[in-house]
Protein backbone atom coordinates (compact mmCIF):
# COMPACT_ATOMS: atom_id res chain seq x y z
CA MET A 1 -83.98 160.50 -28.30
CA VAL A 2 -85.80 162.06 -25.39
CA PHE A 3 -84.78 161.57 -21.85
CA CYS A 4 -87.00 161.29 -18.96
CA PRO A 5 -87.00 164.46 -16.70
CA LYS A 6 -87.62 162.12 -13.65
CA CYS A 7 -85.45 159.24 -14.12
CA GLY A 8 -83.07 160.10 -16.97
CA THR A 9 -84.05 157.12 -19.02
CA GLU A 10 -83.57 157.33 -22.71
CA ASN A 11 -86.79 157.11 -24.71
CA LYS A 12 -87.80 157.16 -28.32
CA ASP A 13 -88.61 160.49 -29.86
CA ASP A 14 -92.19 159.69 -30.43
CA SER A 15 -92.69 158.39 -26.73
CA LYS A 16 -95.22 160.20 -24.64
CA PHE A 17 -94.30 158.41 -21.50
CA CYS A 18 -91.00 156.96 -19.93
CA VAL A 19 -90.60 153.27 -20.64
CA LYS A 20 -88.94 152.73 -17.21
CA CYS A 21 -90.98 155.05 -14.66
CA GLY A 22 -94.08 155.94 -16.77
CA ALA A 23 -93.61 159.77 -16.17
CA PRO A 24 -94.92 162.06 -19.01
CA LEU A 25 -92.03 163.01 -21.44
CA PRO A 26 -91.64 166.78 -22.75
CA GLN A 27 -92.98 167.18 -26.24
CA SER A 28 -90.23 167.44 -28.88
CA LYS A 29 -89.80 170.31 -31.31
CA LYS A 30 -90.88 168.06 -34.08
CA VAL A 31 -94.52 168.09 -32.62
CA GLU A 32 -94.46 171.85 -32.90
CA ALA A 33 -93.14 171.88 -36.52
CA GLN A 34 -96.11 169.52 -37.36
CA GLN A 35 -98.60 171.99 -35.83
CA VAL A 36 -97.67 174.81 -38.18
CA SER A 37 -97.49 172.73 -41.35
CA GLY A 38 -99.63 173.82 -44.05
CA LYS A 39 -99.21 177.70 -43.32
CA SER A 40 -97.43 179.84 -45.88
CA PRO A 41 -93.88 180.62 -44.70
CA ILE A 42 -93.95 183.80 -46.72
CA ILE A 43 -97.06 185.10 -45.10
CA ALA A 44 -95.74 184.30 -41.67
CA ALA A 45 -92.49 186.17 -42.31
CA ILE A 46 -94.47 189.19 -43.81
CA LEU A 47 -96.85 189.41 -40.81
CA ASN A 48 -93.95 189.25 -38.30
CA PHE A 49 -92.19 191.72 -40.31
CA ILE A 50 -95.05 194.15 -40.49
CA TRP A 51 -96.02 193.72 -36.92
CA ILE A 52 -93.92 191.79 -34.27
CA GLY A 53 -96.03 188.59 -33.39
CA LEU A 54 -98.66 188.57 -36.01
CA GLY A 55 -96.60 185.76 -37.77
CA TYR A 56 -96.79 183.61 -34.78
CA LEU A 57 -100.60 184.06 -34.12
CA TYR A 58 -101.03 183.33 -37.96
CA LEU A 59 -99.00 180.05 -37.33
CA GLY A 60 -100.87 179.21 -34.26
CA ILE A 61 -97.88 179.21 -32.08
CA LYS A 62 -99.14 180.00 -28.61
CA GLU A 63 -95.79 180.99 -26.90
CA VAL A 64 -92.07 181.62 -28.04
CA ARG A 65 -89.35 181.37 -25.36
CA GLY A 66 -91.82 181.28 -22.65
CA ILE A 67 -93.57 184.56 -23.92
CA PRO A 68 -97.09 184.29 -25.32
CA ALA A 69 -97.36 185.14 -28.92
CA PHE A 70 -99.79 187.92 -28.03
CA GLY A 71 -97.07 189.38 -25.83
CA TYR A 72 -94.83 190.01 -29.03
CA VAL A 73 -97.72 192.05 -30.35
CA ILE A 74 -97.70 194.09 -27.19
CA ILE A 75 -93.88 194.57 -27.42
CA GLY A 76 -94.36 195.66 -30.90
CA LEU A 77 -96.98 198.16 -30.10
CA VAL A 78 -94.53 199.66 -27.25
CA LEU A 79 -91.73 199.75 -29.72
CA VAL A 80 -93.88 201.72 -32.23
CA ILE A 81 -95.10 204.10 -29.68
CA ILE A 82 -91.57 204.78 -28.17
CA GLY A 83 -90.16 204.83 -31.72
CA PHE A 84 -92.15 208.04 -32.46
CA PHE A 85 -90.15 209.78 -29.76
CA ILE A 86 -86.78 208.20 -29.95
CA SER A 87 -85.09 207.47 -33.17
CA PRO A 88 -82.83 204.54 -32.06
CA ILE A 89 -85.90 202.52 -31.06
CA ARG A 90 -86.91 202.59 -34.65
CA ILE A 91 -83.88 200.94 -35.70
CA ILE A 92 -83.91 198.38 -32.76
CA GLY A 93 -87.74 197.68 -33.67
CA PHE A 94 -86.56 197.07 -37.32
CA ILE A 95 -83.86 194.63 -36.33
CA ILE A 96 -86.09 192.64 -34.10
CA SER A 97 -88.88 192.47 -36.89
CA VAL A 98 -86.18 191.20 -39.22
CA ILE A 99 -85.13 188.55 -36.88
CA LEU A 100 -88.70 187.48 -35.82
CA ALA A 101 -89.75 187.43 -39.70
CA ILE A 102 -86.82 185.07 -40.46
CA ASP A 103 -87.92 182.95 -37.26
CA ALA A 104 -91.52 182.82 -38.35
CA TYR A 105 -90.37 181.72 -41.90
CA GLN A 106 -88.33 178.84 -40.53
CA LYS A 107 -90.99 177.78 -38.05
CA ALA A 108 -93.61 177.71 -40.94
CA LYS A 109 -91.25 175.55 -42.89
CA GLY A 110 -91.19 173.03 -39.84
CA GLU A 111 -87.63 174.08 -38.91
CA LYS A 112 -86.65 175.03 -35.32
CA GLY A 113 -85.95 178.80 -35.94
CA PHE A 114 -84.13 181.28 -33.92
CA LEU A 115 -86.31 181.25 -30.85
């Protein structure tokens, strides 16, 4: 069920507007999952592992946790550049790549994912 952000009334999951006050309702996570269907979870995971954010761009996800998908690509670039000089950053970058690869895989399968 979806609750109206304006009046708090409970609405059906597929409702776009509140049945009581008519205010627009936030989109559910199911809508996001439907938007990425048809894309390969394996390819999304591999892309996000090779370069942070590419898997999200492949899936057509515009933002994750308020950060644009292209922002993750920039973060990946920064981690690679800094990682050349500071070894622990490489380890942190690897861990982030694994987490985001799993997240992209889950999102491509229509699940919520980590983020």
